[in-house]
N, C-alpha and C. Protein backbone atom coordinates (compact mmCIF):
# COMPACT_ATOMS: atom_id res chain seq x y z
N MET A 1 -211.80 -52.31 -13.96
CA MET A 1 -211.05 -51.52 -14.92
C MET A 1 -212.05 -50.58 -15.59
N SER A 2 -211.72 -49.32 -15.56
CA SER A 2 -212.63 -48.32 -16.13
C SER A 2 -212.58 -48.34 -17.66
N PHE A 3 -213.55 -47.68 -18.24
CA PHE A 3 -213.62 -47.57 -19.69
C PHE A 3 -212.35 -46.91 -20.22
N PHE A 4 -211.88 -45.88 -19.52
CA PHE A 4 -210.66 -45.18 -19.94
C PHE A 4 -209.46 -46.12 -19.93
N ASP A 5 -209.33 -46.93 -18.89
CA ASP A 5 -208.22 -47.87 -18.80
C ASP A 5 -208.27 -48.90 -19.93
N LYS A 6 -209.49 -49.37 -20.24
CA LYS A 6 -209.64 -50.33 -21.34
C LYS A 6 -209.24 -49.70 -22.67
N ALA A 7 -209.67 -48.46 -22.88
CA ALA A 7 -209.35 -47.76 -24.12
C ALA A 7 -207.84 -47.53 -24.23
N LYS A 8 -207.23 -47.19 -23.13
CA LYS A 8 -205.78 -46.95 -23.12
C LYS A 8 -205.01 -48.23 -23.43
N ALA A 9 -205.43 -49.35 -22.85
CA ALA A 9 -204.78 -50.63 -23.11
C ALA A 9 -204.93 -51.03 -24.57
N LYS A 10 -206.13 -50.81 -25.12
CA LYS A 10 -206.36 -51.15 -26.53
C LYS A 10 -205.53 -50.26 -27.44
N ALA A 11 -205.41 -48.98 -27.10
CA ALA A 11 -204.58 -48.06 -27.89
C ALA A 11 -203.12 -48.50 -27.87
N GLU A 12 -202.65 -48.94 -26.70
CA GLU A 12 -201.27 -49.44 -26.60
C GLU A 12 -201.07 -50.65 -27.50
N GLN A 13 -202.05 -51.54 -27.52
CA GLN A 13 -201.96 -52.72 -28.37
C GLN A 13 -201.86 -52.31 -29.84
N LEU A 14 -202.75 -51.41 -30.25
CA LEU A 14 -202.78 -51.00 -31.65
C LEU A 14 -201.52 -50.24 -32.04
N PHE A 15 -201.06 -49.34 -31.19
CA PHE A 15 -199.85 -48.59 -31.47
C PHE A 15 -198.64 -49.53 -31.53
N GLY A 16 -198.61 -50.47 -30.61
CA GLY A 16 -197.51 -51.43 -30.61
C GLY A 16 -197.50 -52.28 -31.87
N ARG A 17 -198.68 -52.71 -32.30
CA ARG A 17 -198.76 -53.53 -33.52
C ARG A 17 -198.33 -52.72 -34.74
N ALA A 18 -198.73 -51.45 -34.79
CA ALA A 18 -198.33 -50.58 -35.91
C ALA A 18 -196.82 -50.40 -35.93
N GLU A 19 -196.23 -50.18 -34.77
CA GLU A 19 -194.78 -50.01 -34.70
C GLU A 19 -194.06 -51.30 -35.07
N GLU A 20 -194.62 -52.41 -34.63
CA GLU A 20 -194.06 -53.72 -34.96
C GLU A 20 -194.08 -53.94 -36.48
N LEU A 21 -195.19 -53.64 -37.12
CA LEU A 21 -195.29 -53.79 -38.58
C LEU A 21 -194.34 -52.85 -39.31
N TYR A 22 -194.20 -51.63 -38.82
CA TYR A 22 -193.26 -50.69 -39.42
C TYR A 22 -191.84 -51.25 -39.37
N GLY A 23 -191.47 -51.76 -38.21
CA GLY A 23 -190.13 -52.32 -38.04
C GLY A 23 -189.89 -53.50 -38.96
N GLU A 24 -190.90 -54.36 -39.09
CA GLU A 24 -190.76 -55.53 -39.96
C GLU A 24 -190.64 -55.11 -41.42
N SER A 25 -191.43 -54.14 -41.83
CA SER A 25 -191.42 -53.75 -43.25
C SER A 25 -190.18 -52.95 -43.62
N HIS A 26 -189.56 -52.27 -42.66
CA HIS A 26 -188.38 -51.46 -42.94
C HIS A 26 -187.08 -52.12 -42.48
N GLY A 27 -187.17 -53.32 -41.98
CA GLY A 27 -185.98 -54.02 -41.52
C GLY A 27 -185.37 -53.42 -40.26
N ASP A 28 -186.18 -52.75 -39.47
CA ASP A 28 -185.72 -52.10 -38.24
C ASP A 28 -186.03 -53.00 -37.06
N ALA A 29 -185.04 -53.75 -36.62
CA ALA A 29 -185.25 -54.72 -35.54
C ALA A 29 -185.63 -54.04 -34.24
N ALA A 30 -185.05 -52.87 -33.96
CA ALA A 30 -185.36 -52.16 -32.71
C ALA A 30 -186.84 -51.75 -32.68
N ALA A 31 -187.34 -51.23 -33.79
CA ALA A 31 -188.75 -50.83 -33.84
C ALA A 31 -189.65 -52.05 -33.73
N THR A 32 -189.26 -53.14 -34.33
CA THR A 32 -190.05 -54.36 -34.25
C THR A 32 -190.16 -54.83 -32.81
N LEU A 33 -189.03 -54.87 -32.10
CA LEU A 33 -189.04 -55.33 -30.72
C LEU A 33 -189.77 -54.36 -29.80
N ASP A 34 -189.59 -53.06 -30.01
CA ASP A 34 -190.28 -52.07 -29.20
C ASP A 34 -191.79 -52.17 -29.42
N GLY A 35 -192.19 -52.34 -30.66
CA GLY A 35 -193.61 -52.49 -30.96
C GLY A 35 -194.21 -53.73 -30.34
N GLU A 36 -193.47 -54.82 -30.41
CA GLU A 36 -193.94 -56.06 -29.80
C GLU A 36 -194.09 -55.90 -28.29
N ALA A 37 -193.13 -55.23 -27.66
CA ALA A 37 -193.19 -55.00 -26.22
C ALA A 37 -194.41 -54.16 -25.85
N ARG A 38 -194.68 -53.11 -26.61
CA ARG A 38 -195.84 -52.25 -26.35
C ARG A 38 -197.13 -53.05 -26.51
N ARG A 39 -197.20 -53.84 -27.55
CA ARG A 39 -198.40 -54.63 -27.81
C ARG A 39 -198.66 -55.61 -26.67
N LEU A 40 -197.60 -56.28 -26.23
CA LEU A 40 -197.76 -57.26 -25.14
C LEU A 40 -198.10 -56.58 -23.82
N GLU A 41 -197.55 -55.39 -23.60
CA GLU A 41 -197.87 -54.66 -22.38
C GLU A 41 -199.35 -54.26 -22.37
N GLY A 42 -199.83 -53.82 -23.50
CA GLY A 42 -201.24 -53.48 -23.60
C GLY A 42 -202.13 -54.69 -23.37
N GLU A 43 -201.74 -55.80 -23.92
CA GLU A 43 -202.49 -57.05 -23.73
C GLU A 43 -202.49 -57.46 -22.26
N ALA A 44 -201.34 -57.33 -21.60
CA ALA A 44 -201.25 -57.69 -20.18
C ALA A 44 -202.16 -56.79 -19.34
N ARG A 45 -202.19 -55.50 -19.65
CA ARG A 45 -203.07 -54.58 -18.91
C ARG A 45 -204.53 -54.96 -19.11
N ARG A 46 -204.89 -55.30 -20.33
CA ARG A 46 -206.27 -55.67 -20.62
C ARG A 46 -206.67 -56.92 -19.84
N LEU A 47 -205.79 -57.92 -19.84
CA LEU A 47 -206.09 -59.17 -19.13
C LEU A 47 -206.15 -58.95 -17.62
N GLU A 48 -205.29 -58.10 -17.11
CA GLU A 48 -205.31 -57.79 -15.68
C GLU A 48 -206.63 -57.12 -15.30
N GLY A 49 -207.07 -56.20 -16.12
CA GLY A 49 -208.34 -55.53 -15.86
C GLY A 49 -209.51 -56.49 -15.90
N GLU A 50 -209.51 -57.39 -16.88
CA GLU A 50 -210.59 -58.37 -16.97
C GLU A 50 -210.61 -59.27 -15.74
N ALA A 51 -209.45 -59.66 -15.25
CA ALA A 51 -209.38 -60.51 -14.06
C ALA A 51 -209.92 -59.76 -12.84
N GLU A 52 -209.60 -58.47 -12.71
CA GLU A 52 -210.10 -57.68 -11.60
C GLU A 52 -211.62 -57.55 -11.67
N GLU A 53 -212.15 -57.33 -12.87
CA GLU A 53 -213.60 -57.21 -13.03
C GLU A 53 -214.29 -58.52 -12.67
N GLU A 54 -213.75 -59.64 -13.12
CA GLU A 54 -214.35 -60.93 -12.82
C GLU A 54 -214.33 -61.21 -11.32
N ALA A 55 -213.25 -60.85 -10.64
CA ALA A 55 -213.15 -61.05 -9.20
C ALA A 55 -214.18 -60.19 -8.47
N ALA A 56 -214.36 -58.95 -8.91
CA ALA A 56 -215.34 -58.07 -8.28
C ALA A 56 -216.75 -58.59 -8.51
N GLU A 57 -217.05 -59.07 -9.70
CA GLU A 57 -218.37 -59.62 -9.99
C GLU A 57 -218.63 -60.87 -9.17
N ARG A 58 -217.62 -61.68 -8.99
CA ARG A 58 -217.76 -62.92 -8.21
C ARG A 58 -218.07 -62.57 -6.75
N ASP A 59 -217.35 -61.57 -6.19
CA ASP A 59 -217.59 -61.17 -4.80
C ASP A 59 -218.97 -60.57 -4.62
N GLU A 60 -219.45 -59.81 -5.60
CA GLU A 60 -220.76 -59.19 -5.49
C GLU A 60 -221.87 -60.18 -5.80
N GLY A 61 -221.63 -61.11 -6.69
CA GLY A 61 -222.68 -61.98 -7.20
C GLY A 61 -223.10 -63.11 -6.28
N ASP A 62 -222.21 -63.61 -5.45
CA ASP A 62 -222.59 -64.79 -4.66
C ASP A 62 -223.49 -64.45 -3.47
N GLY A 63 -223.47 -63.23 -3.00
CA GLY A 63 -224.37 -62.80 -1.94
C GLY A 63 -224.01 -63.35 -0.57
N THR A 64 -223.04 -64.23 -0.47
CA THR A 64 -222.69 -64.78 0.83
C THR A 64 -221.54 -64.04 1.49
N HIS A 65 -220.72 -63.40 0.72
CA HIS A 65 -219.57 -62.70 1.27
C HIS A 65 -219.97 -61.28 1.67
N ARG A 66 -219.73 -60.95 2.93
CA ARG A 66 -220.02 -59.61 3.40
C ARG A 66 -218.75 -59.01 3.97
N HIS A 67 -218.63 -57.71 3.83
CA HIS A 67 -217.45 -57.03 4.38
C HIS A 67 -217.39 -57.27 5.89
N GLY A 68 -216.23 -57.60 6.39
CA GLY A 68 -216.05 -57.86 7.81
C GLY A 68 -216.39 -59.28 8.21
N ASP A 69 -216.88 -60.08 7.31
CA ASP A 69 -217.23 -61.47 7.61
C ASP A 69 -216.05 -62.34 7.22
N ASP A 70 -215.47 -63.01 8.24
CA ASP A 70 -214.33 -63.86 7.95
C ASP A 70 -214.75 -65.28 7.55
N GLY A 71 -216.04 -65.54 7.54
CA GLY A 71 -216.54 -66.85 7.14
C GLY A 71 -216.47 -67.89 8.24
N LEU A 72 -216.06 -67.50 9.45
CA LEU A 72 -215.90 -68.46 10.53
C LEU A 72 -216.99 -68.34 11.59
N ALA A 73 -217.99 -67.54 11.37
CA ALA A 73 -219.02 -67.28 12.39
C ALA A 73 -219.72 -68.59 12.80
N GLY A 74 -219.98 -69.46 11.89
CA GLY A 74 -220.65 -70.71 12.22
C GLY A 74 -219.74 -71.70 12.91
N ALA A 75 -218.45 -71.54 12.83
CA ALA A 75 -217.51 -72.50 13.39
C ALA A 75 -217.09 -72.14 14.81
N ARG A 76 -217.52 -70.99 15.31
CA ARG A 76 -217.08 -70.57 16.66
C ARG A 76 -217.89 -71.18 17.74
């Protein structure tokens, strides 16, 4: 996940939380729900990006996995 994607996800979280608070303070249920949905969507994007980064680091870090290697060379 790029820096831009992380920033966008964080902005969605913050905007969603602000909208959620506005809805709660003004008794606007629609704004509250919309804000909560935006906040959760931003959080989901952030978590998805973190999972992708961890998977990429794991593939690069172990040194045993190579592109085109199915892992069965020793078993043939």
